N, C-alpha and C. Protein backbone atom coordinates (compact mmCIF):
# COMPACT_ATOMS: atom_id res chain seq x y z
N MET A 1 -24.54 -2.99 -25.69
CA MET A 1 -23.20 -3.26 -26.02
C MET A 1 -22.34 -2.16 -25.46
N ALA A 2 -21.20 -2.60 -24.73
CA ALA A 2 -20.38 -1.48 -24.22
C ALA A 2 -19.74 -0.70 -25.26
N ASP A 3 -19.51 0.46 -24.95
CA ASP A 3 -18.73 1.37 -25.84
C ASP A 3 -17.39 0.86 -26.06
N LYS A 4 -16.72 1.04 -27.26
CA LYS A 4 -15.42 0.73 -27.48
C LYS A 4 -14.33 1.34 -26.64
N VAL A 5 -13.43 0.56 -26.37
CA VAL A 5 -12.44 1.12 -25.47
C VAL A 5 -11.25 1.53 -26.49
N VAL A 6 -10.67 2.74 -26.38
CA VAL A 6 -9.64 3.05 -27.37
C VAL A 6 -8.42 3.71 -26.48
N LEU A 7 -7.31 3.19 -26.88
CA LEU A 7 -6.05 3.69 -26.26
C LEU A 7 -5.23 4.39 -27.26
N TYR A 8 -5.09 5.66 -27.14
CA TYR A 8 -3.97 6.37 -27.88
C TYR A 8 -2.62 6.35 -27.15
N GLY A 9 -1.68 5.85 -27.98
CA GLY A 9 -0.43 5.73 -27.30
C GLY A 9 0.75 5.73 -28.36
N TYR A 10 1.88 5.39 -27.86
CA TYR A 10 3.15 5.34 -28.79
C TYR A 10 3.98 4.18 -28.16
N PHE A 11 4.53 3.34 -28.97
CA PHE A 11 5.06 2.13 -28.56
C PHE A 11 6.13 2.31 -27.41
N ARG A 12 6.89 3.43 -27.41
CA ARG A 12 8.09 3.52 -26.44
C ARG A 12 7.67 4.58 -25.45
N SER A 13 6.41 5.11 -25.47
CA SER A 13 6.01 5.92 -24.38
C SER A 13 5.93 5.23 -22.97
N SER A 14 6.65 5.70 -22.07
CA SER A 14 6.61 5.08 -20.66
C SER A 14 5.19 5.00 -20.18
N ALA A 15 4.54 6.19 -20.21
CA ALA A 15 3.15 6.15 -19.71
C ALA A 15 2.17 5.37 -20.42
N SER A 16 2.34 5.31 -21.74
CA SER A 16 1.50 4.37 -22.55
C SER A 16 1.76 2.96 -22.14
N TRP A 17 2.96 2.71 -21.94
CA TRP A 17 3.49 1.15 -21.69
C TRP A 17 2.82 0.84 -20.45
N ARG A 18 2.82 1.67 -19.24
CA ARG A 18 2.24 1.33 -18.15
C ARG A 18 0.64 0.91 -18.21
N VAL A 19 -0.07 1.73 -19.07
CA VAL A 19 -1.41 1.57 -19.24
C VAL A 19 -1.65 0.22 -20.03
N ARG A 20 -0.94 -0.07 -21.04
CA ARG A 20 -1.08 -1.19 -21.92
C ARG A 20 -0.98 -2.48 -20.91
N ILE A 21 -0.08 -2.41 -20.09
CA ILE A 21 0.06 -3.67 -18.96
C ILE A 21 -1.14 -3.63 -18.25
N ALA A 22 -1.67 -2.49 -17.56
CA ALA A 22 -2.72 -2.57 -16.74
C ALA A 22 -3.99 -3.15 -17.46
N LEU A 23 -4.19 -2.68 -18.81
CA LEU A 23 -5.44 -3.27 -19.62
C LEU A 23 -5.26 -4.78 -19.80
N ALA A 24 -3.99 -5.21 -20.14
CA ALA A 24 -3.79 -6.61 -20.39
C ALA A 24 -3.99 -7.40 -19.00
N LEU A 25 -3.58 -6.84 -17.87
CA LEU A 25 -3.66 -7.64 -16.63
C LEU A 25 -5.15 -7.47 -16.33
N LYS A 26 -5.84 -6.53 -16.62
CA LYS A 26 -7.39 -6.52 -16.25
C LYS A 26 -8.11 -7.16 -17.26
N ASP A 27 -7.53 -7.63 -18.39
CA ASP A 27 -8.20 -8.27 -19.43
C ASP A 27 -9.33 -7.47 -20.08
N ILE A 28 -8.83 -6.17 -20.27
CA ILE A 28 -9.83 -5.24 -20.96
C ILE A 28 -9.24 -4.99 -22.46
N LYS A 29 -10.21 -5.54 -23.43
CA LYS A 29 -9.90 -5.33 -24.79
C LYS A 29 -9.94 -3.94 -25.28
N TYR A 30 -9.09 -3.40 -26.20
CA TYR A 30 -9.20 -2.09 -26.53
C TYR A 30 -8.72 -2.01 -28.06
N GLU A 31 -9.05 -0.93 -28.61
CA GLU A 31 -8.42 -0.53 -29.99
C GLU A 31 -7.30 0.27 -29.74
N TYR A 32 -6.16 0.15 -30.55
CA TYR A 32 -5.01 0.93 -30.30
C TYR A 32 -4.75 1.84 -31.44
N LYS A 33 -4.64 3.17 -31.08
CA LYS A 33 -4.43 4.30 -32.05
C LYS A 33 -3.06 4.86 -31.72
N ALA A 34 -2.20 4.73 -32.63
CA ALA A 34 -0.75 5.27 -32.55
C ALA A 34 -0.75 6.67 -32.84
N VAL A 35 -0.06 7.37 -31.83
CA VAL A 35 0.28 8.89 -31.88
C VAL A 35 1.76 9.01 -32.01
N HIS A 36 2.25 9.33 -33.19
CA HIS A 36 3.79 9.27 -33.24
C HIS A 36 4.48 10.43 -32.62
N LEU A 37 5.29 10.31 -31.75
CA LEU A 37 5.89 11.47 -31.07
C LEU A 37 6.85 12.24 -31.84
N LEU A 38 7.36 11.74 -32.93
CA LEU A 38 8.29 12.43 -33.77
C LEU A 38 7.82 12.87 -35.19
N LYS A 39 7.03 12.13 -35.76
CA LYS A 39 6.49 12.34 -37.14
C LYS A 39 5.75 13.63 -37.21
N ASN A 40 6.14 14.44 -38.15
CA ASN A 40 5.49 15.85 -38.52
C ASN A 40 5.55 16.72 -37.30
N GLY A 41 6.72 16.62 -36.64
CA GLY A 41 6.89 17.48 -35.43
C GLY A 41 6.26 16.89 -34.12
N GLY A 42 5.71 15.81 -34.36
CA GLY A 42 5.09 15.20 -33.20
C GLY A 42 3.51 15.19 -33.30
N GLU A 43 2.95 14.04 -33.48
CA GLU A 43 1.39 14.03 -33.75
C GLU A 43 0.74 14.56 -32.44
N GLN A 44 1.36 14.32 -31.31
CA GLN A 44 0.64 14.66 -30.04
C GLN A 44 0.46 16.20 -30.02
N HIS A 45 1.13 16.93 -30.84
CA HIS A 45 0.79 18.46 -30.84
C HIS A 45 -0.21 18.95 -31.79
N SER A 46 -0.92 18.07 -32.41
CA SER A 46 -1.87 18.36 -33.56
C SER A 46 -3.07 18.82 -32.64
N GLU A 47 -3.73 19.79 -33.35
CA GLU A 47 -5.14 20.22 -32.79
C GLU A 47 -5.99 19.21 -32.59
N GLU A 48 -6.12 18.30 -33.56
CA GLU A 48 -7.12 17.16 -33.37
C GLU A 48 -6.84 16.33 -32.11
N TYR A 49 -5.59 15.99 -31.90
CA TYR A 49 -5.29 15.32 -30.68
C TYR A 49 -5.45 15.99 -29.48
N LYS A 50 -4.98 17.27 -29.45
CA LYS A 50 -5.19 18.04 -28.27
C LYS A 50 -6.55 18.52 -27.83
N LYS A 51 -7.62 18.10 -28.69
CA LYS A 51 -8.96 18.13 -28.24
C LYS A 51 -9.17 17.00 -27.26
N LEU A 52 -8.52 15.96 -27.41
CA LEU A 52 -8.62 14.88 -26.55
C LEU A 52 -7.77 15.03 -25.22
N ASN A 53 -6.71 15.46 -25.43
CA ASN A 53 -5.61 15.68 -24.41
C ASN A 53 -4.98 17.06 -24.49
N PRO A 54 -5.44 17.98 -23.82
CA PRO A 54 -4.94 19.30 -23.95
C PRO A 54 -3.58 19.57 -23.70
N MET A 55 -3.00 18.65 -22.80
CA MET A 55 -1.44 18.79 -22.61
C MET A 55 -0.51 18.12 -23.85
N GLY A 56 -1.26 17.53 -24.75
CA GLY A 56 -0.55 16.89 -25.89
C GLY A 56 0.30 15.89 -25.29
N GLN A 57 -0.08 15.07 -24.31
CA GLN A 57 0.77 13.93 -23.81
C GLN A 57 0.00 12.67 -24.16
N LEU A 58 0.68 11.67 -23.85
CA LEU A 58 0.28 10.19 -23.95
C LEU A 58 0.35 9.46 -22.64
N PRO A 59 -0.59 8.60 -22.45
CA PRO A 59 -1.65 8.16 -23.25
C PRO A 59 -2.92 8.81 -22.88
N THR A 60 -3.94 8.62 -23.84
CA THR A 60 -5.35 8.96 -23.60
C THR A 60 -6.16 7.68 -23.79
N LEU A 61 -7.09 7.53 -22.86
CA LEU A 61 -7.83 6.29 -22.87
C LEU A 61 -9.34 6.70 -23.02
N ILE A 62 -10.00 6.21 -24.07
CA ILE A 62 -11.48 6.43 -24.19
C ILE A 62 -12.06 5.21 -23.53
N ILE A 63 -12.92 5.35 -22.44
CA ILE A 63 -13.59 4.19 -21.90
C ILE A 63 -14.88 4.59 -21.22
N ASP A 64 -15.90 3.86 -21.10
CA ASP A 64 -17.20 4.20 -20.50
C ASP A 64 -17.66 5.60 -20.84
N GLY A 65 -17.41 6.01 -21.99
CA GLY A 65 -17.93 7.42 -22.27
C GLY A 65 -17.00 8.56 -21.72
N LEU A 66 -15.85 8.13 -21.11
CA LEU A 66 -14.98 9.08 -20.57
C LEU A 66 -13.60 9.15 -21.47
N THR A 67 -13.00 10.43 -21.38
CA THR A 67 -11.73 10.53 -22.01
C THR A 67 -10.74 10.78 -20.84
N LEU A 68 -9.95 9.83 -20.60
CA LEU A 68 -9.11 9.78 -19.44
C LEU A 68 -7.58 10.01 -19.93
N THR A 69 -6.90 10.92 -19.18
CA THR A 69 -5.48 11.26 -19.35
C THR A 69 -4.77 10.96 -18.03
N GLN A 70 -3.41 11.03 -18.24
CA GLN A 70 -2.48 10.84 -17.09
C GLN A 70 -2.40 9.32 -16.59
N SER A 71 -1.30 8.66 -16.80
CA SER A 71 -1.39 7.08 -16.64
C SER A 71 -1.62 6.69 -15.18
N LEU A 72 -1.33 7.35 -14.17
CA LEU A 72 -1.62 6.93 -12.92
C LEU A 72 -3.08 7.15 -12.59
N ALA A 73 -3.61 8.20 -13.04
CA ALA A 73 -5.19 8.33 -12.97
C ALA A 73 -5.80 7.29 -13.71
N ILE A 74 -5.29 6.99 -14.88
CA ILE A 74 -6.01 5.99 -15.63
C ILE A 74 -5.99 4.58 -14.99
N MET A 75 -4.82 4.23 -14.35
CA MET A 75 -4.81 3.03 -13.66
C MET A 75 -5.59 2.95 -12.49
N GLU A 76 -5.70 4.00 -11.72
CA GLU A 76 -6.58 4.16 -10.58
C GLU A 76 -8.11 3.84 -11.06
N TYR A 77 -8.44 4.42 -12.20
CA TYR A 77 -9.79 4.27 -12.64
C TYR A 77 -10.00 2.75 -13.05
N LEU A 78 -8.97 2.18 -13.72
CA LEU A 78 -9.12 0.74 -14.04
C LEU A 78 -9.13 -0.13 -12.88
N GLU A 79 -8.43 0.28 -11.79
CA GLU A 79 -8.59 -0.42 -10.52
C GLU A 79 -9.95 -0.44 -9.94
N GLU A 80 -10.54 0.63 -9.98
CA GLU A 80 -11.88 0.84 -9.30
C GLU A 80 -12.93 0.12 -10.31
N ARG A 81 -12.79 0.16 -11.63
CA ARG A 81 -13.61 -0.42 -12.61
C ARG A 81 -13.50 -1.96 -12.59
N ASN A 82 -12.28 -2.41 -12.55
CA ASN A 82 -12.05 -3.80 -12.59
C ASN A 82 -11.03 -4.27 -11.40
N PRO A 83 -11.75 -4.44 -10.15
CA PRO A 83 -10.82 -4.55 -9.01
C PRO A 83 -9.99 -5.84 -8.99
N THR A 84 -10.16 -6.73 -9.74
CA THR A 84 -9.31 -7.95 -9.75
C THR A 84 -8.73 -8.26 -11.22
N PRO A 85 -7.58 -8.58 -11.34
CA PRO A 85 -6.56 -8.81 -10.19
C PRO A 85 -6.18 -7.24 -9.71
N ALA A 86 -6.00 -7.13 -8.47
CA ALA A 86 -5.77 -5.80 -7.86
C ALA A 86 -4.30 -5.16 -8.28
N LEU A 87 -4.36 -3.83 -8.34
CA LEU A 87 -3.08 -3.19 -8.59
C LEU A 87 -2.65 -2.47 -7.43
N LEU A 88 -3.55 -2.60 -6.32
CA LEU A 88 -3.14 -1.75 -5.14
C LEU A 88 -3.48 -2.76 -3.87
N PRO A 89 -2.63 -2.62 -2.79
CA PRO A 89 -2.99 -3.49 -1.66
C PRO A 89 -4.32 -3.17 -1.09
N PRO A 90 -4.84 -4.07 -0.12
CA PRO A 90 -6.20 -3.89 0.41
C PRO A 90 -6.11 -2.86 1.61
N ASP A 91 -4.97 -2.60 2.09
CA ASP A 91 -4.83 -1.67 3.30
C ASP A 91 -4.47 -0.37 2.96
N ALA A 92 -4.79 0.66 3.66
CA ALA A 92 -4.54 2.18 3.46
C ALA A 92 -3.03 2.29 3.46
N ALA A 93 -2.28 1.70 4.34
CA ALA A 93 -0.84 1.97 4.54
C ALA A 93 -0.10 1.35 3.22
N GLY A 94 -0.58 0.04 2.79
CA GLY A 94 0.15 -0.36 1.80
C GLY A 94 -0.23 0.31 0.39
N ARG A 95 -1.45 0.93 0.22
CA ARG A 95 -1.73 1.74 -0.92
C ARG A 95 -0.99 2.89 -0.94
N ALA A 96 -0.66 3.45 0.32
CA ALA A 96 0.20 4.74 0.35
C ALA A 96 1.54 4.43 0.02
N GLN A 97 2.07 3.33 0.25
CA GLN A 97 3.46 2.89 -0.14
C GLN A 97 3.63 2.69 -1.51
N VAL A 98 2.66 2.04 -2.03
CA VAL A 98 2.74 1.71 -3.59
C VAL A 98 2.53 3.03 -4.41
N ARG A 99 1.70 4.00 -3.94
CA ARG A 99 1.59 5.22 -4.72
C ARG A 99 2.90 5.95 -4.52
N ALA A 100 3.47 5.97 -3.30
CA ALA A 100 4.74 6.62 -3.25
C ALA A 100 5.86 6.10 -4.17
N LEU A 101 6.00 4.82 -4.18
CA LEU A 101 6.94 4.15 -5.22
C LEU A 101 6.58 4.37 -6.68
N SER A 102 5.26 4.48 -6.96
CA SER A 102 4.90 4.89 -8.29
C SER A 102 5.22 6.34 -8.58
N GLU A 103 5.16 7.15 -7.65
CA GLU A 103 5.37 8.56 -7.87
C GLU A 103 6.86 9.00 -7.89
N VAL A 104 7.69 8.21 -7.30
CA VAL A 104 9.25 8.43 -7.35
C VAL A 104 9.46 8.21 -8.93
N ILE A 105 8.84 7.27 -9.57
CA ILE A 105 9.14 7.09 -11.14
C ILE A 105 8.32 8.14 -11.83
N ASN A 106 7.10 8.32 -11.57
CA ASN A 106 6.18 9.06 -12.46
C ASN A 106 6.38 10.60 -12.34
N SER A 107 6.87 11.00 -11.19
CA SER A 107 7.09 12.47 -10.91
C SER A 107 8.52 12.76 -10.76
N GLY A 108 9.23 11.81 -10.17
CA GLY A 108 10.75 12.16 -9.91
C GLY A 108 11.76 11.74 -10.89
N ILE A 109 11.34 10.87 -11.80
CA ILE A 109 12.34 10.28 -12.76
C ILE A 109 11.85 10.71 -14.02
N GLN A 110 10.58 10.03 -14.46
CA GLN A 110 10.19 10.12 -15.98
C GLN A 110 10.17 11.46 -16.65
N PRO A 111 9.52 12.40 -15.92
CA PRO A 111 9.39 13.70 -16.58
C PRO A 111 10.65 14.35 -17.01
N LEU A 112 11.88 14.00 -16.14
CA LEU A 112 13.10 14.70 -16.41
C LEU A 112 13.87 14.05 -17.53
N GLN A 113 13.30 12.93 -18.02
CA GLN A 113 14.06 12.42 -19.18
C GLN A 113 13.05 12.00 -20.30
N ASN A 114 11.99 12.64 -20.32
CA ASN A 114 10.99 12.38 -21.53
C ASN A 114 11.45 13.20 -22.66
N LEU A 115 10.71 12.89 -23.76
CA LEU A 115 11.14 13.61 -25.05
C LEU A 115 11.03 15.02 -25.01
N ASN A 116 9.86 15.62 -24.39
CA ASN A 116 9.66 16.90 -24.49
C ASN A 116 10.81 17.72 -23.67
N VAL A 117 11.39 17.26 -22.62
CA VAL A 117 12.48 17.69 -21.94
C VAL A 117 13.69 17.59 -22.64
N LEU A 118 14.00 16.45 -23.23
CA LEU A 118 15.32 16.27 -23.81
C LEU A 118 15.39 17.04 -25.04
N GLN A 119 14.36 17.44 -25.57
CA GLN A 119 14.35 18.23 -26.98
C GLN A 119 14.89 19.62 -26.56
N LYS A 120 14.58 20.04 -25.40
CA LYS A 120 15.11 21.39 -24.97
C LYS A 120 16.54 21.32 -24.51
N ILE A 121 16.91 20.16 -24.03
CA ILE A 121 18.44 20.18 -23.38
C ILE A 121 19.55 20.15 -24.43
N GLY A 122 19.11 19.47 -25.63
CA GLY A 122 20.06 19.58 -26.64
C GLY A 122 21.19 18.52 -26.60
N ASP A 123 22.53 18.90 -26.87
CA ASP A 123 23.67 17.98 -26.97
C ASP A 123 24.04 17.17 -25.75
N THR A 124 23.57 17.72 -24.51
CA THR A 124 23.98 17.12 -23.34
C THR A 124 22.69 16.22 -22.74
N LYS A 125 21.83 15.90 -23.62
CA LYS A 125 20.57 15.16 -23.17
C LYS A 125 20.87 13.82 -22.67
N VAL A 126 21.94 13.11 -23.18
CA VAL A 126 22.12 11.78 -22.55
C VAL A 126 22.59 11.88 -21.32
N GLU A 127 23.60 12.79 -20.89
CA GLU A 127 24.29 13.05 -19.64
C GLU A 127 23.17 13.60 -18.67
N TRP A 128 22.25 14.32 -19.06
CA TRP A 128 21.10 14.86 -18.12
C TRP A 128 20.27 13.73 -17.81
N ALA A 129 19.89 12.94 -18.67
CA ALA A 129 18.88 11.80 -18.48
C ALA A 129 19.70 10.78 -17.62
N ASN A 130 20.85 10.50 -17.85
CA ASN A 130 21.71 9.59 -17.01
C ASN A 130 21.57 10.02 -15.59
N PHE A 131 21.92 11.34 -15.39
CA PHE A 131 22.10 11.92 -14.03
C PHE A 131 20.81 11.70 -13.18
N TYR A 132 19.66 12.20 -13.85
CA TYR A 132 18.41 12.13 -13.11
C TYR A 132 17.86 10.78 -12.93
N ILE A 133 17.99 9.90 -13.83
CA ILE A 133 17.62 8.44 -13.70
C ILE A 133 18.45 7.93 -12.53
N THR A 134 19.80 8.00 -12.63
CA THR A 134 20.67 7.63 -11.51
C THR A 134 20.23 8.05 -10.01
N LYS A 135 19.92 9.33 -10.03
CA LYS A 135 19.45 9.98 -8.75
C LYS A 135 18.22 9.38 -8.27
N GLY A 136 17.20 8.99 -9.19
CA GLY A 136 15.92 8.49 -8.84
C GLY A 136 16.03 7.05 -8.40
N PHE A 137 16.98 6.27 -9.12
CA PHE A 137 17.10 4.88 -8.86
C PHE A 137 17.89 4.58 -7.58
N LYS A 138 18.71 5.52 -7.14
CA LYS A 138 19.29 5.32 -5.75
C LYS A 138 18.17 5.39 -4.79
N ALA A 139 17.33 6.38 -4.94
CA ALA A 139 16.27 6.47 -4.04
C ALA A 139 15.19 5.29 -4.04
N LEU A 140 14.92 4.98 -5.25
CA LEU A 140 14.00 3.78 -5.42
C LEU A 140 14.61 2.41 -4.90
N GLU A 141 15.87 2.33 -5.01
CA GLU A 141 16.53 1.08 -4.51
C GLU A 141 16.42 1.08 -3.13
N ALA A 142 16.66 2.16 -2.37
CA ALA A 142 16.64 2.15 -0.94
C ALA A 142 15.12 1.84 -0.40
N MET A 143 14.16 2.36 -1.15
CA MET A 143 12.82 2.28 -0.75
C MET A 143 12.46 0.69 -1.01
N LEU A 144 12.89 0.04 -2.11
CA LEU A 144 12.58 -1.30 -2.45
C LEU A 144 13.17 -2.20 -1.48
N GLU A 145 14.43 -1.82 -0.95
CA GLU A 145 14.99 -2.67 0.12
C GLU A 145 14.12 -2.88 1.32
N LYS A 146 13.07 -1.97 1.53
CA LYS A 146 12.23 -2.11 2.62
C LYS A 146 10.82 -2.68 2.23
N THR A 147 10.49 -2.61 1.02
CA THR A 147 9.06 -2.87 0.57
C THR A 147 9.12 -4.12 -0.30
N ALA A 148 10.16 -4.46 -1.06
CA ALA A 148 10.05 -5.47 -1.96
C ALA A 148 10.02 -6.91 -1.50
N GLY A 149 9.21 -7.68 -2.29
CA GLY A 149 9.28 -9.28 -2.06
C GLY A 149 9.62 -9.71 -3.47
N GLN A 150 8.77 -10.44 -3.99
CA GLN A 150 8.90 -10.87 -5.45
C GLN A 150 8.84 -9.68 -6.26
N TYR A 151 7.93 -8.78 -5.92
CA TYR A 151 7.74 -7.51 -6.68
C TYR A 151 7.99 -6.20 -5.88
N CYS A 152 7.72 -5.05 -6.40
CA CYS A 152 8.11 -3.98 -5.78
C CYS A 152 7.45 -3.69 -4.38
N TYR A 153 6.20 -4.36 -4.13
CA TYR A 153 5.53 -4.26 -2.82
C TYR A 153 5.19 -5.64 -2.47
N GLY A 154 6.06 -6.35 -1.75
CA GLY A 154 5.79 -7.79 -1.34
C GLY A 154 5.62 -8.63 -2.50
N ASN A 155 4.75 -9.55 -2.50
CA ASN A 155 4.59 -10.47 -3.67
C ASN A 155 3.32 -10.27 -4.53
N GLN A 156 2.76 -9.12 -4.33
CA GLN A 156 1.56 -8.67 -5.21
C GLN A 156 2.00 -7.68 -6.35
N MET A 157 1.80 -8.00 -7.57
CA MET A 157 2.05 -7.01 -8.67
C MET A 157 1.28 -5.72 -8.35
N THR A 158 1.82 -4.55 -8.52
CA THR A 158 1.16 -3.33 -8.28
C THR A 158 1.35 -2.33 -9.24
N MET A 159 0.74 -1.25 -9.11
CA MET A 159 1.00 0.05 -10.02
C MET A 159 2.47 0.28 -10.16
N ALA A 160 3.11 0.20 -8.89
CA ALA A 160 4.66 0.56 -8.87
C ALA A 160 5.43 -0.19 -9.83
N ASP A 161 4.90 -1.58 -10.01
CA ASP A 161 5.64 -2.38 -10.85
C ASP A 161 5.46 -2.02 -12.44
N LEU A 162 4.21 -1.66 -12.74
CA LEU A 162 3.92 -1.15 -13.99
C LEU A 162 4.66 0.18 -14.53
N CYS A 163 4.85 0.97 -13.30
CA CYS A 163 5.95 2.17 -13.57
C CYS A 163 7.36 1.68 -13.71
N LEU A 164 7.80 0.69 -13.03
CA LEU A 164 9.16 0.38 -13.04
C LEU A 164 9.45 -0.27 -14.44
N ILE A 165 8.72 -1.06 -15.00
CA ILE A 165 9.11 -1.75 -16.27
C ILE A 165 9.59 -0.79 -17.27
N PRO A 166 8.92 0.17 -17.74
CA PRO A 166 9.47 1.07 -18.75
C PRO A 166 10.55 1.99 -18.28
N GLN A 167 10.60 2.24 -17.00
CA GLN A 167 11.69 3.06 -16.49
C GLN A 167 13.11 2.24 -16.48
N VAL A 168 13.02 1.01 -16.32
CA VAL A 168 14.26 0.20 -16.39
C VAL A 168 14.77 0.14 -17.91
N TYR A 169 13.89 0.27 -18.86
CA TYR A 169 14.29 0.36 -20.23
C TYR A 169 14.89 1.79 -20.50
N GLY A 170 14.25 2.66 -20.03
CA GLY A 170 14.77 4.06 -20.09
C GLY A 170 16.17 4.33 -19.49
N ALA A 171 16.40 3.60 -18.38
CA ALA A 171 17.74 3.56 -17.67
C ALA A 171 18.73 2.86 -18.60
N GLN A 172 18.36 1.79 -19.14
CA GLN A 172 19.37 1.21 -20.02
C GLN A 172 19.56 1.98 -21.30
N ARG A 173 18.52 2.54 -21.75
CA ARG A 173 18.64 3.40 -23.06
C ARG A 173 19.68 4.57 -22.85
N PHE A 174 19.71 5.13 -21.58
CA PHE A 174 20.60 6.36 -21.35
C PHE A 174 21.77 5.82 -20.69
N GLY A 175 22.17 4.59 -20.61
CA GLY A 175 23.50 4.22 -20.15
C GLY A 175 23.69 4.07 -18.72
N VAL A 176 22.58 4.01 -17.93
CA VAL A 176 22.69 3.91 -16.42
C VAL A 176 23.14 2.47 -16.24
N ASP A 177 24.16 2.28 -15.38
CA ASP A 177 24.64 1.00 -15.02
C ASP A 177 23.73 0.40 -14.04
N VAL A 178 22.69 -0.41 -14.70
CA VAL A 178 21.52 -0.95 -13.80
C VAL A 178 22.05 -2.05 -12.80
N LYS A 179 23.25 -2.55 -13.00
CA LYS A 179 23.84 -3.56 -12.01
C LYS A 179 23.98 -2.98 -10.69
N ASN A 180 24.05 -1.62 -10.61
CA ASN A 180 24.27 -1.03 -9.26
C ASN A 180 22.99 -1.07 -8.46
N TYR A 181 21.94 -1.62 -8.98
CA TYR A 181 20.65 -1.58 -8.38
C TYR A 181 20.00 -2.96 -8.38
N PRO A 182 20.57 -3.90 -7.48
CA PRO A 182 20.19 -5.27 -7.52
C PRO A 182 18.59 -5.58 -7.24
N VAL A 183 18.06 -4.73 -6.35
CA VAL A 183 16.65 -4.98 -6.08
C VAL A 183 15.75 -4.68 -7.08
N ILE A 184 16.11 -3.52 -7.77
CA ILE A 184 15.27 -3.13 -8.86
C ILE A 184 15.32 -4.08 -10.04
N MET A 185 16.51 -4.75 -10.31
CA MET A 185 16.65 -5.56 -11.26
C MET A 185 16.23 -6.90 -11.08
N ARG A 186 16.35 -7.29 -9.77
CA ARG A 186 15.68 -8.63 -9.31
C ARG A 186 14.15 -8.61 -9.63
N VAL A 187 13.50 -7.45 -9.18
CA VAL A 187 12.10 -7.35 -9.36
C VAL A 187 11.66 -7.26 -10.94
N TYR A 188 12.53 -6.51 -11.69
CA TYR A 188 12.36 -6.35 -13.14
C TYR A 188 12.35 -7.76 -13.77
N GLU A 189 13.33 -8.57 -13.40
CA GLU A 189 13.54 -9.86 -14.13
C GLU A 189 12.35 -10.78 -13.81
N GLU A 190 11.74 -10.56 -12.66
CA GLU A 190 10.49 -11.39 -12.25
C GLU A 190 9.35 -10.84 -13.17
N LEU A 191 9.18 -9.63 -13.19
CA LEU A 191 8.18 -8.97 -14.07
C LEU A 191 8.04 -9.27 -15.47
N ILE A 192 9.19 -9.27 -16.03
CA ILE A 192 9.17 -9.41 -17.57
C ILE A 192 8.77 -10.90 -17.97
N LYS A 193 8.58 -11.87 -17.12
CA LYS A 193 8.14 -13.22 -17.38
C LYS A 193 6.59 -13.21 -17.46
N LEU A 194 5.99 -12.24 -16.99
CA LEU A 194 4.59 -12.37 -16.94
C LEU A 194 3.76 -12.05 -18.21
N PRO A 195 2.72 -12.63 -18.52
CA PRO A 195 1.98 -12.59 -19.78
C PRO A 195 1.40 -11.09 -20.08
N ALA A 196 0.96 -10.38 -19.03
CA ALA A 196 0.42 -9.03 -19.18
C ALA A 196 1.49 -8.21 -19.58
N VAL A 197 2.69 -8.40 -18.90
CA VAL A 197 3.95 -7.49 -19.17
C VAL A 197 4.50 -7.80 -20.64
N ILE A 198 4.53 -9.07 -21.00
CA ILE A 198 4.76 -9.38 -22.33
C ILE A 198 3.78 -8.63 -23.33
N ALA A 199 2.60 -8.78 -23.10
CA ALA A 199 1.46 -8.22 -23.99
C ALA A 199 1.62 -6.73 -24.13
N GLY A 200 2.17 -5.93 -23.09
CA GLY A 200 2.17 -4.55 -23.15
C GLY A 200 3.64 -4.12 -23.55
N ASP A 201 4.51 -5.05 -23.69
CA ASP A 201 5.91 -4.61 -24.07
C ASP A 201 5.98 -3.72 -25.25
N ALA A 202 6.94 -2.76 -25.20
CA ALA A 202 7.11 -1.67 -26.31
C ALA A 202 7.41 -2.34 -27.60
N PHE A 203 8.11 -3.35 -27.57
CA PHE A 203 8.61 -3.97 -28.76
C PHE A 203 7.83 -5.02 -29.40
N ARG A 204 6.36 -5.01 -29.06
CA ARG A 204 5.36 -5.95 -29.67
C ARG A 204 4.14 -5.16 -29.94
N GLN A 205 4.26 -3.92 -30.24
CA GLN A 205 3.03 -3.14 -30.46
C GLN A 205 2.83 -2.80 -31.96
N PRO A 206 1.56 -2.65 -32.38
CA PRO A 206 1.31 -2.27 -33.84
C PRO A 206 2.21 -1.35 -34.45
N ASP A 207 2.48 -0.22 -33.57
CA ASP A 207 3.43 0.89 -34.18
C ASP A 207 4.95 0.71 -33.86
N THR A 208 5.39 -0.51 -33.24
CA THR A 208 6.77 -0.68 -33.22
C THR A 208 7.35 -0.78 -34.62
N PRO A 209 8.39 -0.02 -34.82
CA PRO A 209 9.12 -0.13 -36.13
C PRO A 209 9.66 -1.66 -36.27
N GLU A 210 9.70 -2.14 -37.53
CA GLU A 210 9.98 -3.52 -37.80
C GLU A 210 11.41 -3.88 -37.21
N ASP A 211 12.34 -3.01 -37.42
CA ASP A 211 13.78 -3.18 -36.90
C ASP A 211 13.86 -3.33 -35.44
N LEU A 212 12.92 -2.95 -34.73
CA LEU A 212 12.92 -2.91 -33.12
C LEU A 212 11.98 -4.03 -32.61
N ARG A 213 11.13 -4.90 -33.50
CA ARG A 213 10.28 -5.73 -32.98
C ARG A 213 10.98 -6.87 -32.28
N ALA A 214 10.37 -7.31 -31.16
CA ALA A 214 10.82 -8.50 -30.51
C ALA A 214 10.50 -9.75 -31.31
N SER A 215 11.43 -10.67 -31.27
CA SER A 215 11.28 -11.84 -32.16
C SER A 215 10.32 -12.90 -31.39
């Protein structure tokens, strides 16, 4: 019998959101363990959790006897473990472009507007997040003008799309005018129709507060 797969996450964590979609897309069943980012000063900072994830970040995935952290590394592992449906193109050039699109969000936008940073910024946190998301979206829009088809890279759903979905939510949350990014939003509107995306949606998780749950 295969070892149980366990995902430690938080409903609104961008990185957890990406991995939930990947697990749904790959049809990998898992047990979900919520780690509340605000309760008791943040459960991610507990000594117990940091034994799993020394950075005190989300998500953490327990799979195949491994403890995996960092969402892109987790998605890469899932891709090698369950290669279909693919999250990366078959050619080296395509894979490089998808990874670049993913990293614009993963490295260039999300870390600058995550909870850990915003707690240090203080009263100007909304203005700060809006500035850096806008800067990143301008770059991403220019890149997608060259790579997008139905999705971020042609007509195949990839890791870049999994990164895009929660980041669009983040943009809306911090008041970015997403109408300025028609390619991003066209791709996003296609993605949110997909069953795996619906399954991974932040507002349909066990730890989603009742007043935020999708109907």
